[in-house]
Amino acid sequence: MNELSRISPVQQISYNVNQPGDKNINIFNHANGVINLVSPAPLQLPEHNTEQLIAIQNFSKDYYQLIVTVAEDVFTSNEVIIPIDQALTQNHAPSEIYDRCSSLSETGIDELKTFPALICNQNTDYHGLTDDKQHAIYSYIKRIKKEGRNIKISFCPIAVFPQHKLCKKSTSVYFDLNMECAITDLNHSAWSVHKVNLFEAFAIANLSNMPRPY
């Protein structure tokens, strides 16, 4: 007799079972003896609302911003803190964006908010490799604020997708992520802007279902 079959029908016990996939399975035994399998999503995305739809329709097709962090709570806090010396430096932005936006003037921030954003944790390995379970967040930026020697960026998630799709050699060139090097753009924390049509890059990476402007 296995462990589950010994449970009394009047007991209500929860089990967490690890499996070799993207998610765990929660097994519940309720009073009627029925076993329900529940597989929680890695991130609770907000329903589409007017603010989100407006942000998507205003997205630039010329630039996108990449924010890489080591913060483990980025999927729950919807905030990223980036040191000033890792934010929109001359090495992290095209010259025209550096000139217009790096000082974070009011007009610069307004322009940055029109760039779609990818929020990522650092890759778990080098040479363009990362854990298959790692996810990236496609989002729009809501607030940008200087706080001492740091910059706090608040964002709203739109969708998530496997981060390894950014790392494939056949598609990474379209995201401009420097994947030919041992240490890529996804291996260090930074806030950068790339002169790339993100929606064309999504299509090449088989992510054409990402919401996009008309």
C-alpha atoms as a PDB file:
ATOM      1  CA  MET A   1       0.000   0.000   0.000  1.00  0.00           C
ATOM      2  CA  ASN A   2       1.484   3.365  -0.964  1.00  0.00           C
ATOM      3  CA  GLU A   3       1.525   6.525   1.168  1.00  0.00           C
ATOM      4  CA  LEU A   4      -1.479   8.213  -0.471  1.00  0.00           C
ATOM      5  CA  SER A   5      -3.739   5.149  -0.191  1.00  0.00           C
ATOM      6  CA  ARG A   6      -3.235   5.052   3.613  1.00  0.00           C
ATOM      7  CA  ILE A   7      -4.741   8.560   4.062  1.00  0.00           C
ATOM      8  CA  SER A   8      -8.137   8.617   5.744  1.00  0.00           C
ATOM      9  CA  PRO A   9     -10.901  10.160   3.538  1.00  0.00           C
ATOM     10  CA  VAL A  10     -11.744  12.640   6.289  1.00  0.00           C
ATOM     11  CA  GLN A  11      -8.191  14.000   6.388  1.00  0.00           C
ATOM     12  CA  GLN A  12      -7.240  17.071   4.366  1.00  0.00           C
ATOM     13  CA  ILE A  13      -3.517  16.906   3.665  1.00  0.00           C
ATOM     14  CA  SER A  14      -1.388  18.774   1.120  1.00  0.00           C
ATOM     15  CA  TYR A  15       1.709  17.352  -0.571  1.00  0.00           C
ATOM     16  CA  ASN A  16       4.297  19.187  -2.664  1.00  0.00           C
ATOM     17  CA  VAL A  17       5.830  16.908  -5.264  1.00  0.00           C
ATOM     18  CA  ASN A  18       8.915  17.991  -7.185  1.00  0.00           C
ATOM     19  CA  GLN A  19       9.028  16.937 -10.808  1.00  0.00           C
ATOM     20  CA  PRO A  20      11.709  17.458 -13.482  1.00  0.00           C
ATOM     21  CA  GLY A  21       9.634  20.014 -15.413  1.00  0.00           C
ATOM     22  CA  ASP A  22       9.185  23.768 -15.183  1.00  0.00           C
ATOM     23  CA  LYS A  23       6.750  23.575 -12.271  1.00  0.00           C
ATOM     24  CA  ASN A  24       5.956  21.602  -9.142  1.00  0.00           C
ATOM     25  CA  ILE A  25       2.685  19.774  -8.535  1.00  0.00           C
ATOM     26  CA  ASN A  26       0.624  20.346  -5.386  1.00  0.00           C
ATOM     27  CA  ILE A  27      -1.450  17.301  -4.422  1.00  0.00           C
ATOM     28  CA  PHE A  28      -4.432  17.845  -2.118  1.00  0.00           C
ATOM     29  CA  ASN A  29      -6.532  15.090  -0.516  1.00  0.00           C
ATOM     30  CA  HIS A  30      -9.939  16.520   0.413  1.00  0.00           C
ATOM     31  CA  ALA A  31     -12.710  14.996   2.492  1.00  0.00           C
ATOM     32  CA  ASN A  32     -14.309  13.336  -0.524  1.00  0.00           C
ATOM     33  CA  GLY A  33     -11.067  11.595  -1.418  1.00  0.00           C
ATOM     34  CA  VAL A  34     -10.567  13.440  -4.726  1.00  0.00           C
ATOM     35  CA  ILE A  35      -6.983  14.297  -5.700  1.00  0.00           C
ATOM     36  CA  ASN A  36      -6.578  17.648  -7.489  1.00  0.00           C
ATOM     37  CA  LEU A  37      -3.398  18.582  -9.340  1.00  0.00           C
ATOM     38  CA  VAL A  38      -2.535  22.281  -9.276  1.00  0.00           C
ATOM     39  CA  SER A  39       0.424  23.676 -11.231  1.00  0.00           C
ATOM     40  CA  PRO A  40       1.055  27.331 -10.280  1.00  0.00           C
ATOM     41  CA  ALA A  41       2.425  29.778 -12.847  1.00  0.00           C
ATOM     42  CA  PRO A  42       5.875  31.298 -12.189  1.00  0.00           C
ATOM     43  CA  LEU A  43       4.496  34.838 -12.300  1.00  0.00           C
ATOM     44  CA  GLN A  44       1.013  36.255 -11.778  1.00  0.00           C
ATOM     45  CA  LEU A  45       0.489  38.603 -14.719  1.00  0.00           C
ATOM     46  CA  PRO A  46      -2.051  41.415 -14.450  1.00  0.00           C
ATOM     47  CA  GLU A  47      -5.039  41.340 -16.749  1.00  0.00           C
ATOM     48  CA  HIS A  48      -4.806  43.596 -19.766  1.00  0.00           C
ATOM     49  CA  ASN A  49      -6.032  47.052 -18.802  1.00  0.00           C
ATOM     50  CA  THR A  50      -6.243  50.443 -20.427  1.00  0.00           C
ATOM     51  CA  GLU A  51      -2.857  51.594 -19.091  1.00  0.00           C
ATOM     52  CA  GLN A  52      -1.121  48.498 -20.423  1.00  0.00           C
ATOM     53  CA  LEU A  53      -2.795  48.692 -23.833  1.00  0.00           C
ATOM     54  CA  ILE A  54      -1.830  52.365 -24.191  1.00  0.00           C
ATOM     55  CA  ALA A  55       1.772  51.583 -23.211  1.00  0.00           C
ATOM     56  CA  ILE A  56       1.991  48.794 -25.807  1.00  0.00           C
ATOM     57  CA  GLN A  57       0.546  50.962 -28.570  1.00  0.00           C
ATOM     58  CA  ASN A  58       3.102  53.679 -27.746  1.00  0.00           C
ATOM     59  CA  PHE A  59       6.069  51.287 -27.863  1.00  0.00           C
ATOM     60  CA  SER A  60       9.001  52.250 -30.061  1.00  0.00           C
ATOM     61  CA  LYS A  61       9.910  49.852 -32.857  1.00  0.00           C
ATOM     62  CA  ASP A  62      13.418  51.327 -33.047  1.00  0.00           C
ATOM     63  CA  TYR A  63      14.758  50.645 -29.542  1.00  0.00           C
ATOM     64  CA  TYR A  64      14.230  48.375 -26.567  1.00  0.00           C
ATOM     65  CA  GLN A  65      15.770  48.406 -23.104  1.00  0.00           C
ATOM     66  CA  LEU A  66      17.365  45.477 -21.304  1.00  0.00           C
ATOM     67  CA  ILE A  67      17.563  45.421 -17.509  1.00  0.00           C
ATOM     68  CA  VAL A  68      19.639  42.626 -15.975  1.00  0.00           C
ATOM     69  CA  THR A  69      19.661  42.109 -12.213  1.00  0.00           C
ATOM     70  CA  VAL A  70      20.685  39.672  -9.493  1.00  0.00           C
ATOM     71  CA  ALA A  71      17.627  40.519  -7.367  1.00  0.00           C
ATOM     72  CA  GLU A  72      15.810  37.287  -6.591  1.00  0.00           C
ATOM     73  CA  ASP A  73      12.509  39.061  -5.865  1.00  0.00           C
ATOM     74  CA  VAL A  74      12.219  40.787  -9.243  1.00  0.00           C
ATOM     75  CA  PHE A  75       9.307  38.517 -10.201  1.00  0.00           C
ATOM     76  CA  THR A  76       7.300  39.637  -7.179  1.00  0.00           C
ATOM     77  CA  SER A  77       8.439  43.210  -6.488  1.00  0.00           C
ATOM     78  CA  ASN A  78       8.161  44.595 -10.046  1.00  0.00           C
ATOM     79  CA  GLU A  79      11.065  46.886  -9.160  1.00  0.00           C
ATOM     80  CA  VAL A  80      14.737  46.861 -10.087  1.00  0.00           C
ATOM     81  CA  ILE A  81      17.537  48.881  -8.486  1.00  0.00           C
ATOM     82  CA  ILE A  82      20.522  49.573 -10.740  1.00  0.00           C
ATOM     83  CA  PRO A  83      23.696  51.419  -9.615  1.00  0.00           C
ATOM     84  CA  ILE A  84      24.226  54.655 -11.538  1.00  0.00           C
ATOM     85  CA  ASP A  85      27.539  53.443 -12.974  1.00  0.00           C
ATOM     86  CA  GLN A  86      25.734  50.486 -14.588  1.00  0.00           C
ATOM     87  CA  ALA A  87      22.858  52.498 -16.033  1.00  0.00           C
ATOM     88  CA  LEU A  88      22.761  53.929 -19.564  1.00  0.00           C
ATOM     89  CA  THR A  89      26.492  54.600 -19.739  1.00  0.00           C
ATOM     90  CA  GLN A  90      28.176  55.229 -23.086  1.00  0.00           C
ATOM     91  CA  ASN A  91      28.775  51.477 -23.300  1.00  0.00           C
ATOM     92  CA  HIS A  92      25.141  50.725 -22.536  1.00  0.00           C
ATOM     93  CA  ALA A  93      23.271  52.913 -25.028  1.00  0.00           C
ATOM     94  CA  PRO A  94      23.499  54.242 -28.596  1.00  0.00           C
ATOM     95  CA  SER A  95      25.089  57.681 -28.680  1.00  0.00           C
ATOM     96  CA  GLU A  96      21.829  59.490 -29.487  1.00  0.00           C
ATOM     97  CA  ILE A  97      20.024  57.802 -26.560  1.00  0.00           C
ATOM     98  CA  TYR A  98      22.957  58.460 -24.236  1.00  0.00           C
ATOM     99  CA  ASP A  99      22.840  62.163 -25.160  1.00  0.00           C
ATOM    100  CA  ARG A 100      19.066  62.462 -24.735  1.00  0.00           C
ATOM    101  CA  CYS A 101      18.300  60.116 -21.849  1.00  0.00           C
ATOM    102  CA  SER A 102      21.290  59.272 -19.637  1.00  0.00           C
ATOM    103  CA  SER A 103      20.851  62.349 -17.424  1.00  0.00           C
ATOM    104  CA  LEU A 104      17.304  61.151 -16.673  1.00  0.00           C
ATOM    105  CA  SER A 105      15.744  64.514 -17.341  1.00  0.00           C
ATOM    106  CA  GLU A 106      11.955  64.620 -17.479  1.00  0.00           C
ATOM    107  CA  THR A 107      11.961  64.433 -21.272  1.00  0.00           C
ATOM    108  CA  GLY A 108      14.570  61.681 -21.196  1.00  0.00           C
ATOM    109  CA  ILE A 109      12.480  59.581 -18.827  1.00  0.00           C
ATOM    110  CA  ASP A 110       9.397  60.137 -20.967  1.00  0.00           C
ATOM    111  CA  GLU A 111      11.276  58.811 -23.989  1.00  0.00           C
ATOM    112  CA  LEU A 112      12.625  55.792 -22.097  1.00  0.00           C
ATOM    113  CA  LYS A 113       9.084  54.866 -21.087  1.00  0.00           C
ATOM    114  CA  THR A 114       8.250  54.381 -24.765  1.00  0.00           C
ATOM    115  CA  PHE A 115      10.880  51.643 -25.152  1.00  0.00           C
ATOM    116  CA  PRO A 116       9.655  48.097 -24.459  1.00  0.00           C
ATOM    117  CA  ALA A 117      11.672  46.462 -21.685  1.00  0.00           C
ATOM    118  CA  LEU A 118      13.074  43.002 -21.054  1.00  0.00           C
ATOM    119  CA  ILE A 119      13.770  42.309 -17.364  1.00  0.00           C
ATOM    120  CA  CYS A 120      16.142  39.395 -16.723  1.00  0.00           C
ATOM    121  CA  ASN A 121      18.080  37.784 -13.938  1.00  0.00           C
ATOM    122  CA  GLN A 122      21.695  37.093 -14.782  1.00  0.00           C
ATOM    123  CA  ASN A 123      22.303  33.936 -16.792  1.00  0.00           C
ATOM    124  CA  THR A 124      23.158  30.938 -14.634  1.00  0.00           C
ATOM    125  CA  ASP A 125      26.137  30.044 -16.861  1.00  0.00           C
ATOM    126  CA  TYR A 126      28.576  31.609 -19.333  1.00  0.00           C
ATOM    127  CA  HIS A 127      29.018  31.341 -23.132  1.00  0.00           C
ATOM    128  CA  GLY A 128      25.355  32.192 -23.737  1.00  0.00           C
ATOM    129  CA  LEU A 129      23.996  29.369 -21.593  1.00  0.00           C
ATOM    130  CA  THR A 130      21.383  29.486 -18.845  1.00  0.00           C
ATOM    131  CA  ASP A 131      18.985  27.236 -16.950  1.00  0.00           C
ATOM    132  CA  ASP A 132      15.996  26.193 -19.079  1.00  0.00           C
ATOM    133  CA  LYS A 133      13.714  27.081 -16.146  1.00  0.00           C
ATOM    134  CA  GLN A 134      14.846  30.710 -16.054  1.00  0.00           C
ATOM    135  CA  HIS A 135      12.352  33.266 -17.375  1.00  0.00           C
ATOM    136  CA  ALA A 136      12.551  36.801 -18.764  1.00  0.00           C
ATOM    137  CA  ILE A 137       9.855  39.442 -18.285  1.00  0.00           C
ATOM    138  CA  TYR A 138       8.542  41.498 -21.217  1.00  0.00           C
ATOM    139  CA  SER A 139       7.197  44.698 -19.676  1.00  0.00           C
ATOM    140  CA  TYR A 140       6.692  48.428 -19.807  1.00  0.00           C
ATOM    141  CA  ILE A 141       8.342  50.961 -17.501  1.00  0.00           C
ATOM    142  CA  LYS A 142       6.092  52.887 -15.119  1.00  0.00           C
ATOM    143  CA  ARG A 143       8.532  54.965 -13.018  1.00  0.00           C
ATOM    144  CA  ILE A 144      12.228  55.839 -13.027  1.00  0.00           C
ATOM    145  CA  LYS A 145      13.658  57.549  -9.957  1.00  0.00           C
ATOM    146  CA  LYS A 146      17.171  58.405  -8.760  1.00  0.00           C
ATOM    147  CA  GLU A 147      17.855  57.383  -5.175  1.00  0.00           C
ATOM    148  CA  GLY A 148      21.355  58.396  -4.112  1.00  0.00           C
ATOM    149  CA  ARG A 149      23.844  56.364  -6.171  1.00  0.00           C
ATOM    150  CA  ASN A 150      21.117  54.065  -7.449  1.00  0.00           C
ATOM    151  CA  ILE A 151      18.212  54.230  -9.871  1.00  0.00           C
ATOM    152  CA  LYS A 152      14.918  52.549  -9.014  1.00  0.00           C
ATOM    153  CA  ILE A 153      12.921  51.316 -12.003  1.00  0.00           C
ATOM    154  CA  SER A 154       9.316  50.213 -11.534  1.00  0.00           C
ATOM    155  CA  PHE A 155       7.795  48.111 -14.286  1.00  0.00           C
ATOM    156  CA  CYS A 156       4.580  46.331 -15.170  1.00  0.00           C
ATOM    157  CA  PRO A 157       4.858  42.797 -16.634  1.00  0.00           C
ATOM    158  CA  ILE A 158       3.113  42.039 -19.914  1.00  0.00           C
ATOM    159  CA  ALA A 159       4.322  38.470 -20.533  1.00  0.00           C
ATOM    160  CA  VAL A 160       7.044  36.018 -19.555  1.00  0.00           C
ATOM    161  CA  PHE A 161       9.020  33.613 -21.709  1.00  0.00           C
ATOM    162  CA  PRO A 162      11.994  31.230 -21.319  1.00  0.00           C
ATOM    163  CA  GLN A 163      15.174  33.279 -21.086  1.00  0.00           C
ATOM    164  CA  HIS A 164      17.173  30.717 -23.071  1.00  0.00           C
ATOM    165  CA  LYS A 165      15.310  31.944 -26.187  1.00  0.00           C
ATOM    166  CA  LEU A 166      17.439  35.111 -25.961  1.00  0.00           C
ATOM    167  CA  CYS A 167      20.627  33.059 -25.861  1.00  0.00           C
ATOM    168  CA  LYS A 168      20.385  30.872 -28.963  1.00  0.00           C
ATOM    169  CA  LYS A 169      23.182  31.707 -31.375  1.00  0.00           C
ATOM    170  CA  SER A 170      20.740  31.633 -34.314  1.00  0.00           C
ATOM    171  CA  THR A 171      18.551  34.378 -32.793  1.00  0.00           C
ATOM    172  CA  SER A 172      20.681  36.292 -30.265  1.00  0.00           C
ATOM    173  CA  VAL A 173      22.208  38.521 -32.946  1.00  0.00           C
ATOM    174  CA  TYR A 174      18.735  39.968 -33.575  1.00  0.00           C
ATOM    175  CA  PHE A 175      18.493  41.011 -29.904  1.00  0.00           C
ATOM    176  CA  ASP A 176      22.037  42.506 -30.007  1.00  0.00           C
ATOM    177  CA  LEU A 177      23.123  40.586 -26.890  1.00  0.00           C
ATOM    178  CA  ASN A 178      26.803  39.902 -27.587  1.00  0.00           C
ATOM    179  CA  MET A 179      26.354  36.119 -27.361  1.00  0.00           C
ATOM    180  CA  GLU A 180      29.611  35.335 -29.149  1.00  0.00           C
ATOM    181  CA  CYS A 181      31.574  36.145 -25.969  1.00  0.00           C
ATOM    182  CA  ALA A 182      32.083  34.025 -22.861  1.00  0.00           C
ATOM    183  CA  ILE A 183      30.566  36.801 -20.732  1.00  0.00           C
ATOM    184  CA  THR A 184      27.484  38.083 -22.522  1.00  0.00           C
ATOM    185  CA  ASP A 185      25.124  40.997 -21.887  1.00  0.00           C
ATOM    186  CA  LEU A 186      23.062  38.636 -19.719  1.00  0.00           C
ATOM    187  CA  ASN A 187      25.972  37.855 -17.388  1.00  0.00           C
ATOM    188  CA  HIS A 188      26.256  41.200 -15.620  1.00  0.00           C
ATOM    189  CA  SER A 189      23.788  43.597 -14.045  1.00  0.00           C
ATOM    190  CA  ALA A 190      23.147  46.680 -16.159  1.00  0.00           C
ATOM    191  CA  TRP A 191      20.490  48.870 -17.726  1.00  0.00           C
ATOM    192  CA  SER A 192      21.056  49.214 -21.455  1.00  0.00           C
ATOM    193  CA  VAL A 193      19.239  50.341 -24.575  1.00  0.00           C
ATOM    194  CA  HIS A 194      19.581  48.492 -27.883  1.00  0.00           C
ATOM    195  CA  LYS A 195      18.813  49.870 -31.324  1.00  0.00           C
ATOM    196  CA  VAL A 196      16.666  46.885 -32.305  1.00  0.00           C
ATOM    197  CA  ASN A 197      13.069  46.334 -33.388  1.00  0.00           C
ATOM    198  CA  LEU A 198      12.140  44.038 -30.503  1.00  0.00           C
ATOM    199  CA  PHE A 199       9.021  42.744 -32.228  1.00  0.00           C
ATOM    200  CA  GLU A 200      10.941  41.541 -35.282  1.00  0.00           C
ATOM    201  CA  ALA A 201      13.418  39.860 -32.915  1.00  0.00           C
ATOM    202  CA  PHE A 202      10.518  38.201 -31.068  1.00  0.00           C
ATOM    203  CA  ALA A 203       9.222  36.773 -34.362  1.00  0.00           C
ATOM    204  CA  ILE A 204      12.639  35.343 -35.249  1.00  0.00           C
ATOM    205  CA  ALA A 205      12.832  33.754 -31.776  1.00  0.00           C
ATOM    206  CA  ASN A 206       9.370  32.164 -32.237  1.00  0.00           C
ATOM    207  CA  LEU A 207       7.855  34.593 -29.740  1.00  0.00           C
ATOM    208  CA  SER A 208       5.505  36.279 -32.174  1.00  0.00           C
ATOM    209  CA  ASN A 209       2.612  35.936 -29.684  1.00  0.00           C
ATOM    210  CA  MET A 210       4.048  38.754 -27.543  1.00  0.00           C
ATOM    211  CA  PRO A 211       1.636  41.747 -27.520  1.00  0.00           C
ATOM    212  CA  ARG A 212       2.895  44.452 -29.864  1.00  0.00           C
ATOM    213  CA  PRO A 213       1.829  47.845 -31.277  1.00  0.00           C
ATOM    214  CA  TYR A 214      -0.257  47.864 -34.427  1.00  0.00           C
END
